[in-house]
Amino acid sequence: MSMIELKITGMTCAHCVQHVTKALQGVAGVDQAEVDLAGGVAHVRGQADSAALIAAVQDAGYAARQAG
């Protein structure tokens, strides 16, 4: 199992966190997704493709890029 860290911008509240979390969890291969509003990051565990994760976040209305 791998861990992908994404930097996410555009989140302003707990609802945003829920929306991004749901989007990430909908991607094939995601076992767990944790989104941190204060840090503007998401940690995703599983076998998901980072491009698919970024696309899911963007489709949800937020900007994302792979951290690191």
N, C-alpha and C. Protein backbone atom coordinates (compact mmCIF):
# COMPACT_ATOMS: atom_id res chain seq x y z
N MET A 1 0.84 -1.17 0.00
CA MET A 1 0.00 0.00 0.00
C MET A 1 0.89 1.24 0.00
N SER A 2 0.51 2.23 -0.77
CA SER A 2 1.31 3.45 -0.84
C SER A 2 0.56 4.63 -0.24
N MET A 3 1.29 5.71 -0.02
CA MET A 3 0.70 6.93 0.53
C MET A 3 1.02 8.07 -0.43
N ILE A 4 0.00 8.81 -0.80
CA ILE A 4 0.16 9.97 -1.67
C ILE A 4 -0.29 11.19 -0.89
N GLU A 5 0.52 12.23 -0.92
CA GLU A 5 0.16 13.49 -0.27
C GLU A 5 -0.15 14.52 -1.35
N LEU A 6 -1.31 15.14 -1.22
CA LEU A 6 -1.73 16.17 -2.17
C LEU A 6 -1.84 17.51 -1.46
N LYS A 7 -1.41 18.56 -2.12
CA LYS A 7 -1.62 19.92 -1.64
C LYS A 7 -2.90 20.41 -2.30
N ILE A 8 -3.85 20.85 -1.48
CA ILE A 8 -5.16 21.25 -1.99
C ILE A 8 -5.43 22.70 -1.61
N THR A 9 -5.87 23.48 -2.58
CA THR A 9 -6.21 24.88 -2.33
C THR A 9 -7.68 25.10 -2.69
N GLY A 10 -8.26 26.07 -2.02
CA GLY A 10 -9.65 26.43 -2.26
C GLY A 10 -10.60 25.97 -1.18
N MET A 11 -10.11 25.19 -0.22
CA MET A 11 -10.97 24.75 0.88
C MET A 11 -11.06 25.86 1.93
N THR A 12 -12.27 26.12 2.40
CA THR A 12 -12.45 27.18 3.38
C THR A 12 -13.20 26.75 4.64
N CYS A 13 -13.79 25.54 4.62
CA CYS A 13 -14.62 25.13 5.76
C CYS A 13 -14.70 23.62 5.85
N ALA A 14 -15.38 23.15 6.88
CA ALA A 14 -15.52 21.70 7.10
C ALA A 14 -16.30 21.04 5.97
N HIS A 15 -17.24 21.77 5.39
CA HIS A 15 -17.99 21.21 4.25
C HIS A 15 -17.05 20.93 3.08
N CYS A 16 -16.11 21.83 2.85
CA CYS A 16 -15.12 21.64 1.79
C CYS A 16 -14.32 20.35 2.05
N VAL A 17 -13.93 20.16 3.29
CA VAL A 17 -13.16 18.96 3.66
C VAL A 17 -13.99 17.71 3.35
N GLN A 18 -15.26 17.72 3.71
CA GLN A 18 -16.12 16.57 3.44
C GLN A 18 -16.25 16.33 1.94
N HIS A 19 -16.39 17.40 1.17
CA HIS A 19 -16.54 17.30 -0.28
C HIS A 19 -15.29 16.70 -0.92
N VAL A 20 -14.12 17.17 -0.51
CA VAL A 20 -12.86 16.66 -1.04
C VAL A 20 -12.65 15.21 -0.61
N THR A 21 -12.93 14.91 0.64
CA THR A 21 -12.78 13.54 1.14
C THR A 21 -13.65 12.58 0.34
N LYS A 22 -14.89 12.95 0.11
CA LYS A 22 -15.81 12.10 -0.65
C LYS A 22 -15.30 11.91 -2.08
N ALA A 23 -14.79 12.97 -2.68
CA ALA A 23 -14.25 12.88 -4.04
C ALA A 23 -13.07 11.92 -4.10
N LEU A 24 -12.17 12.02 -3.13
CA LEU A 24 -11.00 11.15 -3.09
C LEU A 24 -11.40 9.69 -2.85
N GLN A 25 -12.35 9.48 -1.96
CA GLN A 25 -12.78 8.12 -1.64
C GLN A 25 -13.49 7.45 -2.82
N GLY A 26 -13.95 8.26 -3.77
CA GLY A 26 -14.61 7.71 -4.95
C GLY A 26 -13.66 7.23 -6.03
N VAL A 27 -12.37 7.46 -5.84
CA VAL A 27 -11.37 7.03 -6.83
C VAL A 27 -10.99 5.58 -6.58
N ALA A 28 -10.95 4.81 -7.65
CA ALA A 28 -10.59 3.39 -7.54
C ALA A 28 -9.20 3.24 -6.92
N GLY A 29 -9.09 2.32 -5.97
CA GLY A 29 -7.82 2.04 -5.33
C GLY A 29 -7.57 2.77 -4.04
N VAL A 30 -8.47 3.68 -3.66
CA VAL A 30 -8.30 4.43 -2.41
C VAL A 30 -8.81 3.58 -1.24
N ASP A 31 -7.94 3.35 -0.28
CA ASP A 31 -8.33 2.65 0.94
C ASP A 31 -8.75 3.62 2.04
N GLN A 32 -8.05 4.76 2.11
CA GLN A 32 -8.34 5.76 3.14
C GLN A 32 -7.90 7.12 2.65
N ALA A 33 -8.71 8.14 2.93
CA ALA A 33 -8.36 9.51 2.59
C ALA A 33 -8.60 10.40 3.80
N GLU A 34 -7.58 11.16 4.18
CA GLU A 34 -7.68 12.10 5.30
C GLU A 34 -7.34 13.48 4.77
N VAL A 35 -8.24 14.44 5.00
CA VAL A 35 -8.05 15.80 4.50
C VAL A 35 -7.92 16.75 5.68
N ASP A 36 -6.90 17.60 5.64
CA ASP A 36 -6.62 18.55 6.71
C ASP A 36 -6.85 19.97 6.19
N LEU A 37 -7.88 20.62 6.70
CA LEU A 37 -8.23 21.97 6.26
C LEU A 37 -7.13 22.96 6.60
N ALA A 38 -6.64 22.95 7.83
CA ALA A 38 -5.63 23.91 8.27
C ALA A 38 -4.34 23.81 7.47
N GLY A 39 -3.93 22.58 7.18
CA GLY A 39 -2.69 22.37 6.44
C GLY A 39 -2.87 22.40 4.93
N GLY A 40 -4.11 22.30 4.47
CA GLY A 40 -4.38 22.29 3.04
C GLY A 40 -3.81 21.07 2.35
N VAL A 41 -3.84 19.93 3.04
CA VAL A 41 -3.28 18.71 2.46
C VAL A 41 -4.26 17.55 2.61
N ALA A 42 -4.05 16.56 1.75
CA ALA A 42 -4.78 15.30 1.85
C ALA A 42 -3.76 14.18 1.82
N HIS A 43 -3.97 13.19 2.67
CA HIS A 43 -3.13 11.99 2.69
C HIS A 43 -4.02 10.83 2.24
N VAL A 44 -3.60 10.18 1.17
CA VAL A 44 -4.40 9.11 0.60
C VAL A 44 -3.59 7.82 0.64
N ARG A 45 -4.19 6.78 1.22
CA ARG A 45 -3.54 5.46 1.28
C ARG A 45 -4.26 4.53 0.31
N GLY A 46 -3.48 3.71 -0.36
CA GLY A 46 -4.06 2.74 -1.28
C GLY A 46 -3.20 2.61 -2.53
N GLN A 47 -3.83 2.17 -3.60
CA GLN A 47 -3.12 1.95 -4.86
C GLN A 47 -3.64 2.89 -5.95
N ALA A 48 -4.21 4.00 -5.59
CA ALA A 48 -4.78 4.93 -6.57
C ALA A 48 -3.69 5.68 -7.32
N ASP A 49 -4.01 6.07 -8.54
CA ASP A 49 -3.12 6.86 -9.38
C ASP A 49 -3.22 8.33 -8.96
N SER A 50 -2.08 8.99 -8.79
CA SER A 50 -2.10 10.39 -8.33
C SER A 50 -2.82 11.30 -9.32
N ALA A 51 -2.71 11.03 -10.61
CA ALA A 51 -3.41 11.86 -11.61
C ALA A 51 -4.92 11.72 -11.45
N ALA A 52 -5.40 10.52 -11.14
CA ALA A 52 -6.83 10.31 -10.93
C ALA A 52 -7.30 11.03 -9.68
N LEU A 53 -6.47 11.04 -8.64
CA LEU A 53 -6.82 11.74 -7.41
C LEU A 53 -6.92 13.25 -7.66
N ILE A 54 -5.94 13.78 -8.36
CA ILE A 54 -5.94 15.22 -8.67
C ILE A 54 -7.15 15.58 -9.51
N ALA A 55 -7.47 14.75 -10.50
CA ALA A 55 -8.64 15.01 -11.35
C ALA A 55 -9.93 14.99 -10.53
N ALA A 56 -10.04 14.07 -9.57
CA ALA A 56 -11.24 13.99 -8.74
C ALA A 56 -11.41 15.25 -7.89
N VAL A 57 -10.31 15.74 -7.33
CA VAL A 57 -10.36 16.97 -6.53
C VAL A 57 -10.73 18.16 -7.41
N GLN A 58 -10.17 18.22 -8.60
CA GLN A 58 -10.48 19.32 -9.51
C GLN A 58 -11.94 19.26 -9.96
N ASP A 59 -12.45 18.05 -10.20
CA ASP A 59 -13.86 17.90 -10.57
C ASP A 59 -14.78 18.34 -9.44
N ALA A 60 -14.29 18.24 -8.20
CA ALA A 60 -15.06 18.68 -7.04
C ALA A 60 -15.00 20.20 -6.85
N GLY A 61 -14.15 20.88 -7.63
CA GLY A 61 -14.10 22.33 -7.59
C GLY A 61 -12.93 22.93 -6.84
N TYR A 62 -11.90 22.14 -6.58
CA TYR A 62 -10.73 22.61 -5.84
C TYR A 62 -9.47 22.37 -6.67
N ALA A 63 -8.41 23.04 -6.34
CA ALA A 63 -7.13 22.85 -7.03
C ALA A 63 -6.29 21.86 -6.22
N ALA A 64 -5.56 21.01 -6.93
CA ALA A 64 -4.73 20.02 -6.25
C ALA A 64 -3.46 19.76 -7.06
N ARG A 65 -2.41 19.43 -6.33
CA ARG A 65 -1.17 18.99 -6.95
C ARG A 65 -0.49 18.04 -5.99
N GLN A 66 0.36 17.20 -6.53
CA GLN A 66 1.08 16.27 -5.65
C GLN A 66 2.11 17.05 -4.85
N ALA A 67 2.12 16.82 -3.55
CA ALA A 67 3.07 17.51 -2.66
C ALA A 67 4.43 16.85 -2.76
N GLY A 68 5.44 17.65 -2.45
CA GLY A 68 6.77 17.07 -2.39
C GLY A 68 7.60 17.38 -3.53
